[in-house]
Amino acid sequence: MSTTMAVDLEALWEKRKFYHDIAYHYLMLAMTARQVCEIDKIPNTGRVYRILHRAAIEGCVSKHIVPEMEKHARSNSVEKVGKDKAGVPLSYKSDLIKRKGFCFTRSVRVAIITDFALSPLTRAEYCKMRFIANDIFKNILEKVIVDNELPENILNILEKKAVSTSSTPDEARRYFEILRIFREPNKIKK
């Protein structure tokens, strides 16, 4: 499934897996940032928190997990400094806002969608395997199609794949028709 593109997708997948694993250890195993540092060999807790925020913004974890990360951080803060002094900044809420605007670079977007199109995996399998949240994948897919960043043959493969794996093939077909309509003006510009 590895492709020979200018973008190193394997390094990207490793980074995303690492971010996901940190978030998993922190939230699902109910660890503190210090415990995550010890287990994952991270030099300091500040780096753990930066990774957690990157995982939220870049969609390495589901958007439904982010509020749980905030609750866990608040709980850890209460345990550490007491209820009177505890506080978690609104940064996790702002992460959800930043996430809406997050997008990979053009070359990475094209590489990801081309890799998906040429893989035998369904969209759900691909997203799970590559640690890409569904909302982020949808944004990438729509952007590369509408902005005319994909060649027509890859777009055709994507459409066939969507129609063949969808429980509602007519809806999938209509979705791609709409994306092609929005793509048309961008074809003229290029």
N, C-alpha and C. Protein backbone atom coordinates (compact mmCIF):
# COMPACT_ATOMS: atom_id res chain seq x y z
N MET A 1 0.81 -1.18 0.00
CA MET A 1 0.00 0.00 0.00
C MET A 1 0.86 1.26 0.00
N SER A 2 2.13 1.12 0.26
CA SER A 2 3.02 2.26 0.26
C SER A 2 3.16 2.81 -1.16
N THR A 3 3.15 4.12 -1.26
CA THR A 3 3.23 4.74 -2.56
C THR A 3 4.55 5.48 -2.71
N THR A 4 4.96 5.69 -3.93
CA THR A 4 6.21 6.38 -4.18
C THR A 4 5.91 7.83 -4.57
N MET A 5 5.60 8.64 -3.58
CA MET A 5 5.28 10.04 -3.79
C MET A 5 6.30 10.89 -3.05
N ALA A 6 6.33 12.16 -3.39
CA ALA A 6 7.25 13.08 -2.73
C ALA A 6 6.96 13.21 -1.24
N VAL A 7 5.74 12.93 -0.85
CA VAL A 7 5.35 13.03 0.55
C VAL A 7 5.65 11.70 1.24
N ASP A 8 6.28 11.77 2.40
CA ASP A 8 6.59 10.56 3.15
C ASP A 8 5.38 10.21 4.03
N LEU A 9 4.47 9.45 3.46
CA LEU A 9 3.25 9.10 4.19
C LEU A 9 3.54 8.21 5.39
N GLU A 10 4.53 7.33 5.26
CA GLU A 10 4.84 6.44 6.39
C GLU A 10 5.24 7.24 7.62
N ALA A 11 6.04 8.28 7.43
CA ALA A 11 6.43 9.13 8.57
C ALA A 11 5.20 9.86 9.14
N LEU A 12 4.31 10.29 8.26
CA LEU A 12 3.09 10.95 8.71
C LEU A 12 2.24 9.99 9.52
N TRP A 13 2.09 8.75 9.05
CA TRP A 13 1.27 7.77 9.78
C TRP A 13 1.89 7.46 11.13
N GLU A 14 3.22 7.37 11.20
CA GLU A 14 3.90 7.10 12.48
C GLU A 14 3.64 8.24 13.47
N LYS A 15 3.75 9.48 12.99
CA LYS A 15 3.52 10.64 13.86
C LYS A 15 2.07 10.64 14.37
N ARG A 16 1.12 10.38 13.47
CA ARG A 16 -0.29 10.38 13.85
C ARG A 16 -0.57 9.26 14.85
N LYS A 17 0.04 8.10 14.65
CA LYS A 17 -0.13 6.98 15.58
C LYS A 17 0.43 7.36 16.96
N PHE A 18 1.59 8.01 16.96
CA PHE A 18 2.21 8.44 18.21
C PHE A 18 1.29 9.41 18.95
N TYR A 19 0.75 10.40 18.25
CA TYR A 19 -0.16 11.36 18.87
C TYR A 19 -1.40 10.65 19.41
N HIS A 20 -1.94 9.74 18.64
CA HIS A 20 -3.12 8.98 19.06
C HIS A 20 -2.81 8.16 20.31
N ASP A 21 -1.67 7.50 20.32
CA ASP A 21 -1.30 6.67 21.47
C ASP A 21 -1.13 7.50 22.74
N ILE A 22 -0.55 8.68 22.60
CA ILE A 22 -0.40 9.56 23.77
C ILE A 22 -1.78 9.93 24.31
N ALA A 23 -2.68 10.32 23.40
CA ALA A 23 -4.04 10.68 23.83
C ALA A 23 -4.73 9.48 24.46
N TYR A 24 -4.52 8.29 23.90
CA TYR A 24 -5.11 7.07 24.43
C TYR A 24 -4.59 6.81 25.85
N HIS A 25 -3.29 6.89 26.04
CA HIS A 25 -2.72 6.65 27.37
C HIS A 25 -3.26 7.67 28.37
N TYR A 26 -3.31 8.91 27.94
CA TYR A 26 -3.75 9.98 28.83
C TYR A 26 -5.21 9.82 29.24
N LEU A 27 -6.06 9.57 28.26
CA LEU A 27 -7.50 9.56 28.54
C LEU A 27 -8.02 8.18 28.91
N MET A 28 -7.82 7.21 28.06
CA MET A 28 -8.44 5.90 28.25
C MET A 28 -7.82 5.11 29.40
N LEU A 29 -6.53 5.32 29.62
CA LEU A 29 -5.89 4.63 30.74
C LEU A 29 -5.84 5.51 31.98
N ALA A 30 -6.47 6.69 31.88
CA ALA A 30 -6.59 7.64 33.00
C ALA A 30 -5.24 7.96 33.64
N MET A 31 -4.26 8.24 32.80
CA MET A 31 -2.93 8.58 33.30
C MET A 31 -2.78 10.08 33.45
N THR A 32 -1.83 10.46 34.27
CA THR A 32 -1.47 11.87 34.36
C THR A 32 -0.42 12.15 33.28
N ALA A 33 -0.15 13.41 33.03
CA ALA A 33 0.87 13.77 32.03
C ALA A 33 2.23 13.21 32.45
N ARG A 34 2.51 13.23 33.74
CA ARG A 34 3.79 12.71 34.22
C ARG A 34 3.91 11.21 33.95
N GLN A 35 2.84 10.47 34.16
CA GLN A 35 2.86 9.02 33.87
C GLN A 35 3.05 8.77 32.38
N VAL A 36 2.42 9.58 31.56
CA VAL A 36 2.60 9.44 30.11
C VAL A 36 4.05 9.69 29.73
N CYS A 37 4.67 10.69 30.37
CA CYS A 37 6.09 10.98 30.13
C CYS A 37 6.95 9.75 30.41
N GLU A 38 6.68 9.11 31.53
CA GLU A 38 7.48 7.95 31.92
C GLU A 38 7.27 6.78 30.98
N ILE A 39 6.03 6.49 30.62
CA ILE A 39 5.74 5.34 29.76
C ILE A 39 6.22 5.55 28.33
N ASP A 40 5.97 6.74 27.79
CA ASP A 40 6.27 7.00 26.38
C ASP A 40 7.61 7.69 26.16
N LYS A 41 8.40 7.81 27.20
CA LYS A 41 9.74 8.39 27.11
C LYS A 41 9.72 9.80 26.51
N ILE A 42 8.85 10.62 27.07
CA ILE A 42 8.75 12.02 26.65
C ILE A 42 9.44 12.85 27.72
N PRO A 43 10.29 13.81 27.30
CA PRO A 43 11.12 14.51 28.29
C PRO A 43 10.38 15.34 29.33
N ASN A 44 9.23 15.93 28.98
CA ASN A 44 8.55 16.76 29.99
C ASN A 44 7.04 16.79 29.74
N THR A 45 6.32 17.19 30.77
CA THR A 45 4.86 17.21 30.68
C THR A 45 4.35 18.26 29.70
N GLY A 46 5.08 19.35 29.54
CA GLY A 46 4.68 20.37 28.58
C GLY A 46 4.57 19.80 27.17
N ARG A 47 5.51 18.92 26.83
CA ARG A 47 5.47 18.29 25.50
C ARG A 47 4.25 17.37 25.39
N VAL A 48 3.89 16.68 26.46
CA VAL A 48 2.70 15.82 26.44
C VAL A 48 1.47 16.66 26.14
N TYR A 49 1.35 17.80 26.82
CA TYR A 49 0.17 18.65 26.59
C TYR A 49 0.15 19.20 25.16
N ARG A 50 1.31 19.55 24.62
CA ARG A 50 1.36 20.03 23.23
C ARG A 50 0.92 18.93 22.27
N ILE A 51 1.34 17.70 22.54
CA ILE A 51 0.96 16.56 21.70
C ILE A 51 -0.55 16.32 21.79
N LEU A 52 -1.10 16.42 22.99
CA LEU A 52 -2.54 16.23 23.16
C LEU A 52 -3.32 17.28 22.36
N HIS A 53 -2.85 18.50 22.38
CA HIS A 53 -3.52 19.55 21.61
C HIS A 53 -3.37 19.31 20.11
N ARG A 54 -2.19 18.88 19.67
CA ARG A 54 -1.99 18.57 18.24
C ARG A 54 -2.90 17.42 17.83
N ALA A 55 -3.04 16.41 18.68
CA ALA A 55 -3.92 15.27 18.37
C ALA A 55 -5.36 15.74 18.20
N ALA A 56 -5.78 16.70 19.02
CA ALA A 56 -7.14 17.23 18.92
C ALA A 56 -7.31 18.06 17.65
N ILE A 57 -6.38 18.95 17.38
CA ILE A 57 -6.48 19.86 16.23
C ILE A 57 -6.35 19.11 14.91
N GLU A 58 -5.39 18.20 14.82
CA GLU A 58 -5.11 17.50 13.56
C GLU A 58 -6.01 16.30 13.32
N GLY A 59 -6.91 16.02 14.24
CA GLY A 59 -7.86 14.95 14.03
C GLY A 59 -7.28 13.55 14.19
N CYS A 60 -6.30 13.40 15.05
CA CYS A 60 -5.77 12.06 15.35
C CYS A 60 -6.72 11.33 16.29
N VAL A 61 -7.59 12.08 16.92
CA VAL A 61 -8.63 11.52 17.77
C VAL A 61 -9.97 12.10 17.32
N SER A 62 -11.02 11.41 17.60
CA SER A 62 -12.36 11.86 17.24
C SER A 62 -12.70 13.17 17.95
N LYS A 63 -13.51 14.00 17.31
CA LYS A 63 -13.89 15.27 17.94
C LYS A 63 -14.73 15.04 19.19
N HIS A 64 -15.30 13.86 19.33
CA HIS A 64 -16.08 13.54 20.52
C HIS A 64 -15.19 13.19 21.71
N ILE A 65 -13.94 12.89 21.44
CA ILE A 65 -12.98 12.56 22.50
C ILE A 65 -12.43 13.83 23.15
N VAL A 66 -12.36 14.92 22.40
CA VAL A 66 -11.72 16.14 22.90
C VAL A 66 -12.37 16.66 24.18
N PRO A 67 -13.70 16.74 24.29
CA PRO A 67 -14.28 17.17 25.57
C PRO A 67 -13.93 16.23 26.73
N GLU A 68 -13.77 14.95 26.43
CA GLU A 68 -13.37 13.99 27.47
C GLU A 68 -11.93 14.27 27.92
N MET A 69 -11.08 14.67 26.97
CA MET A 69 -9.71 15.03 27.31
C MET A 69 -9.70 16.24 28.24
N GLU A 70 -10.59 17.20 27.97
CA GLU A 70 -10.69 18.39 28.81
C GLU A 70 -11.14 18.01 30.22
N LYS A 71 -12.15 17.15 30.34
CA LYS A 71 -12.63 16.71 31.66
C LYS A 71 -11.52 16.02 32.44
N HIS A 72 -10.77 15.18 31.73
CA HIS A 72 -9.67 14.46 32.39
C HIS A 72 -8.60 15.44 32.87
N ALA A 73 -8.28 16.43 32.03
CA ALA A 73 -7.29 17.43 32.41
C ALA A 73 -7.75 18.22 33.62
N ARG A 74 -9.03 18.57 33.65
CA ARG A 74 -9.59 19.31 34.78
C ARG A 74 -9.51 18.46 36.05
N SER A 75 -9.87 17.18 35.92
CA SER A 75 -9.82 16.27 37.07
C SER A 75 -8.39 16.13 37.60
N ASN A 76 -7.44 15.99 36.68
CA ASN A 76 -6.03 15.89 37.10
C ASN A 76 -5.57 17.17 37.79
N SER A 77 -6.04 18.30 37.31
CA SER A 77 -5.67 19.58 37.89
C SER A 77 -6.21 19.70 39.32
N VAL A 78 -7.44 19.26 39.52
CA VAL A 78 -8.04 19.30 40.86
C VAL A 78 -7.23 18.42 41.81
N GLU A 79 -6.87 17.23 41.36
CA GLU A 79 -6.09 16.32 42.20
C GLU A 79 -4.73 16.90 42.53
N LYS A 80 -4.14 17.61 41.59
CA LYS A 80 -2.77 18.10 41.76
C LYS A 80 -2.69 19.33 42.67
N VAL A 81 -3.56 20.31 42.45
CA VAL A 81 -3.43 21.57 43.18
C VAL A 81 -4.60 21.90 44.09
N GLY A 82 -5.62 21.07 44.09
CA GLY A 82 -6.78 21.35 44.92
C GLY A 82 -7.87 22.08 44.16
N LYS A 83 -9.07 21.95 44.67
CA LYS A 83 -10.23 22.48 43.96
C LYS A 83 -10.20 24.01 43.83
N ASP A 84 -9.70 24.71 44.84
CA ASP A 84 -9.71 26.17 44.82
C ASP A 84 -8.79 26.75 43.74
N LYS A 85 -7.67 26.10 43.48
CA LYS A 85 -6.68 26.64 42.53
C LYS A 85 -6.74 25.97 41.17
N ALA A 86 -7.53 24.93 41.04
CA ALA A 86 -7.54 24.16 39.80
C ALA A 86 -8.19 24.94 38.67
N GLY A 87 -7.68 24.72 37.51
CA GLY A 87 -8.29 25.34 36.34
C GLY A 87 -7.63 24.82 35.08
N VAL A 88 -8.42 24.56 34.10
CA VAL A 88 -7.91 24.13 32.81
C VAL A 88 -8.31 25.22 31.84
N PRO A 89 -7.36 25.78 31.13
CA PRO A 89 -7.72 26.83 30.19
C PRO A 89 -8.70 26.30 29.15
N LEU A 90 -9.35 27.22 28.49
CA LEU A 90 -10.34 26.84 27.48
C LEU A 90 -9.67 26.35 26.19
N SER A 91 -8.44 25.91 26.32
CA SER A 91 -7.68 25.54 25.13
C SER A 91 -8.29 24.35 24.38
N TYR A 92 -8.92 23.42 25.08
CA TYR A 92 -9.51 22.28 24.37
C TYR A 92 -10.71 22.73 23.54
N LYS A 93 -11.44 23.71 24.04
CA LYS A 93 -12.55 24.27 23.24
C LYS A 93 -12.00 24.98 22.01
N SER A 94 -10.91 25.70 22.20
CA SER A 94 -10.32 26.39 21.04
C SER A 94 -9.70 25.38 20.07
N ASP A 95 -9.26 24.24 20.59
CA ASP A 95 -8.74 23.19 19.70
C ASP A 95 -9.81 22.72 18.73
N LEU A 96 -11.05 22.60 19.22
CA LEU A 96 -12.15 22.18 18.34
C LEU A 96 -12.42 23.23 17.26
N ILE A 97 -12.25 24.49 17.60
CA ILE A 97 -12.43 25.56 16.61
C ILE A 97 -11.29 25.52 15.60
N LYS A 98 -10.07 25.37 16.09
CA LYS A 98 -8.91 25.29 15.19
C LYS A 98 -9.01 24.07 14.29
N ARG A 99 -9.57 22.99 14.81
CA ARG A 99 -9.72 21.75 14.04
C ARG A 99 -10.56 21.97 12.79
N LYS A 100 -11.60 22.82 12.90
CA LYS A 100 -12.46 23.08 11.75
C LYS A 100 -11.67 23.71 10.61
N GLY A 101 -10.65 24.48 10.94
CA GLY A 101 -9.84 25.13 9.92
C GLY A 101 -8.59 24.36 9.55
N PHE A 102 -8.34 23.24 10.22
CA PHE A 102 -7.12 22.48 9.95
C PHE A 102 -7.16 21.84 8.58
N CYS A 103 -6.05 21.93 7.89
CA CYS A 103 -5.94 21.25 6.60
C CYS A 103 -4.46 20.98 6.33
N PHE A 104 -4.18 19.82 5.82
CA PHE A 104 -2.81 19.49 5.42
C PHE A 104 -2.40 20.35 4.24
N THR A 105 -1.11 20.35 3.94
CA THR A 105 -0.64 21.05 2.74
C THR A 105 -1.19 20.35 1.51
N ARG A 106 -1.14 21.03 0.38
CA ARG A 106 -1.69 20.49 -0.86
C ARG A 106 -1.07 19.14 -1.20
N SER A 107 0.25 19.05 -1.12
CA SER A 107 0.92 17.79 -1.50
C SER A 107 0.54 16.64 -0.57
N VAL A 108 0.38 16.93 0.70
CA VAL A 108 -0.01 15.89 1.66
C VAL A 108 -1.46 15.48 1.42
N ARG A 109 -2.34 16.45 1.18
CA ARG A 109 -3.75 16.13 0.90
C ARG A 109 -3.86 15.20 -0.31
N VAL A 110 -3.18 15.57 -1.38
CA VAL A 110 -3.25 14.78 -2.60
C VAL A 110 -2.67 13.38 -2.36
N ALA A 111 -1.57 13.31 -1.63
CA ALA A 111 -0.94 12.01 -1.34
C ALA A 111 -1.88 11.12 -0.52
N ILE A 112 -2.53 11.70 0.49
CA ILE A 112 -3.44 10.93 1.34
C ILE A 112 -4.61 10.39 0.53
N ILE A 113 -5.25 11.24 -0.24
CA ILE A 113 -6.44 10.82 -0.99
C ILE A 113 -6.05 9.84 -2.10
N THR A 114 -4.92 10.04 -2.74
CA THR A 114 -4.46 9.10 -3.77
C THR A 114 -4.14 7.75 -3.13
N ASP A 115 -3.47 7.78 -1.97
CA ASP A 115 -3.16 6.54 -1.25
C ASP A 115 -4.45 5.79 -0.89
N PHE A 116 -5.44 6.53 -0.42
CA PHE A 116 -6.73 5.91 -0.09
C PHE A 116 -7.39 5.32 -1.34
N ALA A 117 -7.40 6.08 -2.41
CA ALA A 117 -8.05 5.62 -3.65
C ALA A 117 -7.42 4.32 -4.16
N LEU A 118 -6.11 4.21 -4.03
CA LEU A 118 -5.41 3.04 -4.55
C LEU A 118 -5.33 1.88 -3.56
N SER A 119 -5.81 2.11 -2.35
CA SER A 119 -5.79 1.05 -1.34
C SER A 119 -7.08 0.23 -1.43
N PRO A 120 -7.03 -1.01 -0.96
CA PRO A 120 -8.24 -1.84 -0.97
C PRO A 120 -9.17 -1.56 0.21
N LEU A 121 -8.78 -0.64 1.08
CA LEU A 121 -9.52 -0.37 2.31
C LEU A 121 -10.75 0.49 2.06
N THR A 122 -11.78 0.27 2.87
CA THR A 122 -12.93 1.16 2.85
C THR A 122 -12.52 2.45 3.56
N ARG A 123 -13.36 3.46 3.45
CA ARG A 123 -13.06 4.74 4.08
C ARG A 123 -12.91 4.59 5.59
N ALA A 124 -13.83 3.86 6.22
CA ALA A 124 -13.78 3.66 7.67
C ALA A 124 -12.50 2.91 8.08
N GLU A 125 -12.15 1.88 7.33
CA GLU A 125 -10.93 1.12 7.64
C GLU A 125 -9.69 1.99 7.47
N TYR A 126 -9.66 2.76 6.40
CA TYR A 126 -8.51 3.62 6.12
C TYR A 126 -8.35 4.66 7.23
N CYS A 127 -9.45 5.32 7.59
CA CYS A 127 -9.39 6.34 8.63
C CYS A 127 -8.92 5.75 9.96
N LYS A 128 -9.40 4.58 10.29
CA LYS A 128 -9.00 3.94 11.54
C LYS A 128 -7.53 3.55 11.52
N MET A 129 -7.11 2.98 10.41
CA MET A 129 -5.72 2.53 10.28
C MET A 129 -4.72 3.69 10.24
N ARG A 130 -5.14 4.82 9.69
CA ARG A 130 -4.26 5.98 9.51
C ARG A 130 -4.47 7.07 10.57
N PHE A 131 -5.32 6.81 11.54
CA PHE A 131 -5.58 7.75 12.64
C PHE A 131 -6.01 9.11 12.11
N ILE A 132 -6.97 9.07 11.19
CA ILE A 132 -7.56 10.29 10.66
C ILE A 132 -9.04 10.28 11.03
N ALA A 133 -9.45 11.27 11.80
CA ALA A 133 -10.86 11.35 12.19
C ALA A 133 -11.71 11.57 10.94
N ASN A 134 -12.91 11.06 10.98
CA ASN A 134 -13.80 11.11 9.83
C ASN A 134 -14.05 12.54 9.34
N ASP A 135 -14.24 13.48 10.24
CA ASP A 135 -14.49 14.87 9.82
C ASP A 135 -13.28 15.47 9.09
N ILE A 136 -12.09 15.15 9.54
CA ILE A 136 -10.87 15.64 8.88
C ILE A 136 -10.73 15.01 7.50
N PHE A 137 -10.98 13.70 7.41
CA PHE A 137 -10.87 13.02 6.12
C PHE A 137 -11.88 13.60 5.12
N LYS A 138 -13.08 13.84 5.59
CA LYS A 138 -14.12 14.41 4.71
C LYS A 138 -13.69 15.78 4.19
N ASN A 139 -13.13 16.60 5.08
CA ASN A 139 -12.64 17.92 4.67
C ASN A 139 -11.54 17.81 3.62
N ILE A 140 -10.62 16.89 3.83
CA ILE A 140 -9.52 16.69 2.87
C ILE A 140 -10.08 16.25 1.52
N LEU A 141 -10.95 15.27 1.55
CA LEU A 141 -11.53 14.73 0.32
C LEU A 141 -12.24 15.83 -0.47
N GLU A 142 -13.08 16.57 0.20
CA GLU A 142 -13.82 17.62 -0.49
C GLU A 142 -12.91 18.71 -1.02
N LYS A 143 -11.89 19.05 -0.25
CA LYS A 143 -10.98 20.12 -0.70
C LYS A 143 -10.19 19.70 -1.94
N VAL A 144 -9.64 18.48 -1.96
CA VAL A 144 -8.85 18.09 -3.13
C VAL A 144 -9.71 17.94 -4.38
N ILE A 145 -10.97 17.55 -4.19
CA ILE A 145 -11.85 17.41 -5.36
C ILE A 145 -12.29 18.79 -5.85
N VAL A 146 -12.82 19.60 -4.97
CA VAL A 146 -13.35 20.91 -5.36
C VAL A 146 -12.23 21.81 -5.90
N ASP A 147 -11.07 21.78 -5.28
CA ASP A 147 -9.96 22.63 -5.72
C ASP A 147 -9.23 22.08 -6.94
N ASN A 148 -9.73 20.96 -7.48
CA ASN A 148 -9.16 20.37 -8.68
C ASN A 148 -7.70 19.97 -8.50
N GLU A 149 -7.38 19.39 -7.36
CA GLU A 149 -6.01 18.98 -7.07
C GLU A 149 -5.74 17.53 -7.46
N LEU A 150 -6.79 16.79 -7.79
CA LEU A 150 -6.65 15.38 -8.15
C LEU A 150 -6.82 15.19 -9.66
N PRO A 151 -6.08 14.25 -10.22
CA PRO A 151 -6.34 13.92 -11.62
C PRO A 151 -7.70 13.22 -11.77
N GLU A 152 -8.27 13.31 -12.93
CA GLU A 152 -9.60 12.77 -13.19
C GLU A 152 -9.66 11.26 -12.94
N ASN A 153 -8.59 10.53 -13.28
CA ASN A 153 -8.63 9.07 -13.09
C ASN A 153 -8.72 8.68 -11.60
N ILE A 154 -8.07 9.44 -10.73
CA ILE A 154 -8.17 9.17 -9.28
C ILE A 154 -9.56 9.52 -8.78
N LEU A 155 -10.11 10.61 -9.29
CA LEU A 155 -11.47 10.99 -8.92
C LEU A 155 -12.46 9.90 -9.32
N ASN A 156 -12.28 9.33 -10.49
CA ASN A 156 -13.17 8.24 -10.95
C ASN A 156 -13.04 7.02 -10.04
N ILE A 157 -11.82 6.70 -9.64
CA ILE A 157 -11.60 5.57 -8.72
C ILE A 157 -12.31 5.83 -7.39
N LEU A 158 -12.17 7.05 -6.88
CA LEU A 158 -12.82 7.40 -5.61
C LEU A 158 -14.33 7.26 -5.70
N GLU A 159 -14.89 7.73 -6.80
CA GLU A 159 -16.33 7.65 -6.97
C GLU A 159 -16.81 6.21 -7.05
N LYS A 160 -16.10 5.38 -7.82
CA LYS A 160 -16.48 3.96 -7.92
C LYS A 160 -16.38 3.27 -6.57
N LYS A 161 -15.33 3.60 -5.85
CA LYS A 161 -15.13 3.01 -4.52
C LYS A 161 -16.26 3.42 -3.57
N ALA A 162 -16.62 4.69 -3.60
CA ALA A 162 -17.69 5.19 -2.72
C ALA A 162 -19.02 4.53 -3.06
N VAL A 163 -19.31 4.43 -4.35
CA VAL A 163 -20.59 3.85 -4.78
C VAL A 163 -20.65 2.36 -4.43
N SER A 164 -19.53 1.66 -4.62
CA SER A 164 -19.53 0.21 -4.38
C SER A 164 -19.56 -0.15 -2.90
N THR A 165 -19.04 0.73 -2.04
CA THR A 165 -19.01 0.40 -0.61
C THR A 165 -20.12 1.07 0.19
N SER A 166 -20.88 1.94 -0.43
CA SER A 166 -21.92 2.67 0.27
C SER A 166 -23.18 1.82 0.42
N SER A 167 -23.86 2.02 1.54
CA SER A 167 -25.15 1.35 1.73
C SER A 167 -26.24 2.05 0.92
N THR A 168 -25.95 3.28 0.51
CA THR A 168 -26.87 4.05 -0.34
C THR A 168 -26.09 4.56 -1.56
N PRO A 169 -25.92 3.72 -2.56
CA PRO A 169 -25.11 4.09 -3.73
C PRO A 169 -25.60 5.35 -4.45
N ASP A 170 -26.91 5.55 -4.48
CA ASP A 170 -27.44 6.75 -5.15
C ASP A 170 -26.99 8.03 -4.45
N GLU A 171 -26.96 8.00 -3.12
CA GLU A 171 -26.48 9.15 -2.36
C GLU A 171 -25.00 9.40 -2.62
N ALA A 172 -24.22 8.33 -2.68
CA ALA A 172 -22.79 8.46 -2.96
C ALA A 172 -22.57 9.06 -4.34
N ARG A 173 -23.32 8.58 -5.32
CA ARG A 173 -23.23 9.09 -6.68
C ARG A 173 -23.59 10.59 -6.71
N ARG A 174 -24.66 10.94 -6.02
CA ARG A 174 -25.11 12.34 -5.96
C ARG A 174 -24.06 13.23 -5.27
N TYR A 175 -23.45 12.73 -4.23
CA TYR A 175 -22.40 13.46 -3.51
C TYR A 175 -21.26 13.82 -4.47
N PHE A 176 -20.83 12.85 -5.27
CA PHE A 176 -19.75 13.11 -6.22
C PHE A 176 -20.20 14.02 -7.36
N GLU A 177 -21.44 13.93 -7.75
CA GLU A 177 -21.96 14.86 -8.77
C GLU A 177 -21.88 16.30 -8.26
N ILE A 178 -22.26 16.50 -7.02
CA ILE A 178 -22.22 17.84 -6.42
C ILE A 178 -20.77 18.33 -6.34
N LEU A 179 -19.86 17.46 -5.90
CA LEU A 179 -18.46 17.86 -5.82
C LEU A 179 -17.90 18.21 -7.20
N ARG A 180 -18.32 17.47 -8.23
CA ARG A 180 -17.87 17.77 -9.60
C ARG A 180 -18.42 19.12 -10.08
N ILE A 181 -19.63 19.45 -9.67
CA ILE A 181 -20.19 20.76 -10.03
C ILE A 181 -19.35 21.88 -9.44
N PHE A 182 -18.97 21.74 -8.16
CA PHE A 182 -18.13 22.75 -7.52
C PHE A 182 -16.70 22.74 -8.07
N ARG A 183 -16.27 21.63 -8.61
CA ARG A 183 -14.93 21.49 -9.17
C ARG A 183 -14.81 22.23 -10.51
N GLU A 184 -15.89 22.29 -11.26
CA GLU A 184 -15.88 22.83 -12.63
C GLU A 184 -15.25 24.21 -12.74
N PRO A 185 -15.64 25.19 -11.92
CA PRO A 185 -15.02 26.53 -12.06
C PRO A 185 -13.51 26.51 -11.81
N ASN A 186 -13.04 25.59 -10.96
CA ASN A 186 -11.62 25.52 -10.66
C ASN A 186 -10.83 24.86 -11.79
N LYS A 187 -11.48 24.07 -12.61
CA LYS A 187 -10.82 23.50 -13.79
C LYS A 187 -10.45 24.60 -14.76
N ILE A 188 -11.32 25.56 -14.89
CA ILE A 188 -11.12 26.67 -15.84
C ILE A 188 -9.93 27.53 -15.41
N LYS A 189 -9.76 27.73 -14.11
CA LYS A 189 -8.69 28.56 -13.58
C LYS A 189 -7.31 27.98 -13.85
N LYS A 190 -7.21 26.66 -13.94
CA LYS A 190 -5.89 26.02 -14.05
C LYS A 190 -5.39 26.00 -15.44
